[in-house]
Protein backbone atom coordinates (compact mmCIF):
# COMPACT_ATOMS: atom_id res chain seq x y z
CA MET A 1 14.89 -5.11 46.12
CA SER A 2 13.76 -3.09 42.54
CA ARG A 3 15.62 -2.99 40.05
CA PRO A 4 16.45 0.86 38.20
CA ALA A 5 14.10 2.18 36.08
CA ALA A 6 14.91 2.00 32.28
CA PRO A 7 15.80 4.84 30.56
CA ASP A 8 13.99 6.70 27.83
CA ARG A 9 15.04 4.89 24.60
CA ASP A 10 17.38 7.11 22.99
CA PRO A 11 17.03 6.62 18.44
CA GLY A 12 20.88 8.59 18.71
CA LEU A 13 22.12 7.87 14.89
CA GLN A 14 19.41 5.34 14.15
CA PRO A 15 17.21 6.97 11.76
CA GLU A 16 20.64 7.99 9.89
CA ARG A 17 21.70 4.46 9.18
CA THR A 18 18.47 3.43 8.46
CA HIS A 19 18.77 6.05 5.08
CA LEU A 20 22.39 5.29 4.52
CA ALA A 21 20.98 1.31 4.77
CA TRP A 22 18.22 2.21 1.83
CA ARG A 23 21.15 4.38 0.24
CA ARG A 24 23.15 1.16 -0.02
CA THR A 25 20.22 -0.88 -0.95
CA THR A 26 19.15 1.80 -4.20
CA LEU A 27 22.97 1.73 -5.25
CA SER A 28 23.14 -1.85 -5.56
CA ALA A 29 20.25 -2.20 -7.12
CA THR A 30 21.29 0.58 -9.49
CA VAL A 31 24.35 -1.86 -10.27
CA ALA A 32 22.02 -4.64 -10.84
CA ALA A 33 20.05 -3.36 -13.46
CA VAL A 34 23.01 -1.86 -14.67
CA LEU A 35 24.63 -5.13 -15.23
CA ALA A 36 20.97 -6.53 -16.42
CA VAL A 37 20.98 -3.94 -19.19
CA ARG A 38 24.84 -4.81 -20.09
CA ALA A 39 24.20 -8.92 -20.59
CA ALA A 40 21.17 -8.25 -22.42
CA LEU A 41 23.11 -6.26 -24.67
CA HIS A 42 26.23 -8.08 -24.55
CA THR A 43 23.96 -11.44 -25.40
CA GLY A 44 22.72 -10.10 -28.69
CA ALA A 45 19.51 -8.24 -27.35
CA SER A 46 17.18 -11.66 -27.73
CA PRO A 47 13.54 -10.97 -27.22
CA ALA A 48 14.05 -13.16 -23.49
CA ALA A 49 17.00 -10.60 -22.78
CA VAL A 50 15.08 -7.03 -23.49
CA ALA A 51 12.79 -8.60 -21.35
CA ALA A 52 14.32 -9.78 -18.59
CA ALA A 53 16.31 -6.30 -19.10
CA ALA A 54 13.03 -4.24 -18.97
CA VAL A 55 11.63 -6.04 -15.99
CA CYS A 56 14.51 -5.29 -13.91
CA GLY A 57 14.54 -1.59 -14.90
CA VAL A 58 10.82 -1.38 -13.99
CA LEU A 59 11.82 -3.20 -10.16
CA TRP A 60 14.34 -1.01 -9.88
CA THR A 61 12.12 1.92 -10.01
CA ALA A 62 9.66 0.74 -7.43
CA LEU A 63 12.39 0.32 -5.62
CA LEU A 64 13.56 3.74 -5.71
CA VAL A 65 10.46 4.87 -5.86
CA LEU A 66 9.96 2.72 -2.50
CA ALA A 67 12.85 3.84 -0.98
CA HIS A 68 12.39 8.03 -1.36
CA ARG A 69 9.11 7.77 0.10
CA ARG A 70 11.14 5.32 3.61
CA ILE A 71 13.90 8.51 3.44
CA ARG A 72 11.42 10.93 3.48
CA ALA A 73 9.36 9.02 6.14
CA LEU A 74 12.63 9.09 8.05
CA ALA A 75 13.33 12.75 7.25
CA ALA A 76 9.88 13.73 8.41
CA ALA A 77 9.95 15.57 11.87
CA GLY A 78 9.36 13.52 15.24
CA SER A 79 9.89 9.91 15.40
CA PRO A 80 9.37 7.41 12.19
CA ALA A 81 6.74 5.40 12.34
CA ALA A 82 7.83 1.54 11.04
CA LEU A 83 7.97 0.59 8.07
CA PRO A 84 4.38 -0.65 6.69
CA PRO A 85 4.45 -4.56 6.22
CA ALA A 86 3.56 -4.00 2.28
CA TYR A 87 6.33 -1.95 1.67
CA ALA A 88 8.76 -4.59 3.35
CA ILE A 89 7.11 -7.51 1.04
CA ALA A 90 6.61 -5.16 -2.18
CA ALA A 91 11.19 -4.45 -1.03
CA ALA A 92 11.92 -8.27 -0.03
CA LEU A 93 9.85 -9.61 -3.43
CA GLY A 94 11.24 -6.66 -5.85
CA THR A 95 14.62 -8.09 -5.18
CA ALA A 96 13.97 -11.53 -5.21
CA ALA A 97 12.53 -11.16 -9.10
CA MET A 98 15.42 -8.94 -9.45
CA ALA A 99 17.86 -11.43 -8.78
CA VAL A 100 16.08 -14.06 -11.12
CA CYS A 101 15.79 -11.81 -14.03
CA GLY A 102 20.12 -11.92 -13.21
CA ALA A 103 19.72 -14.80 -12.99
CA VAL A 104 18.02 -15.50 -16.93
CA LEU A 105 20.57 -13.09 -18.34
CA VAL A 106 23.58 -15.47 -17.07
CA LEU A 107 22.53 -18.55 -17.97
């Protein structure tokens, strides 16, 4: 007995879900960056706090650029290409670095 042929893959709403996930990620990074600046200013603006807030700002900007590029790729006609590994690594490392900066500001 042979198996029935698998239907062609229907991407459905997957590109839209990915677009919304990138938007949620940038929103949460924005909140983290704003809280980092607030914490830096609240603690008396020591040089270490200002440096940590500045690093959070740079990481936030880099994440916004990365997300914007990915969203544009998803919006392009046709099937979107897979996320390049370098982008995925950059997003993961940037998120981890932002968490470290936040921990420095809290402690």
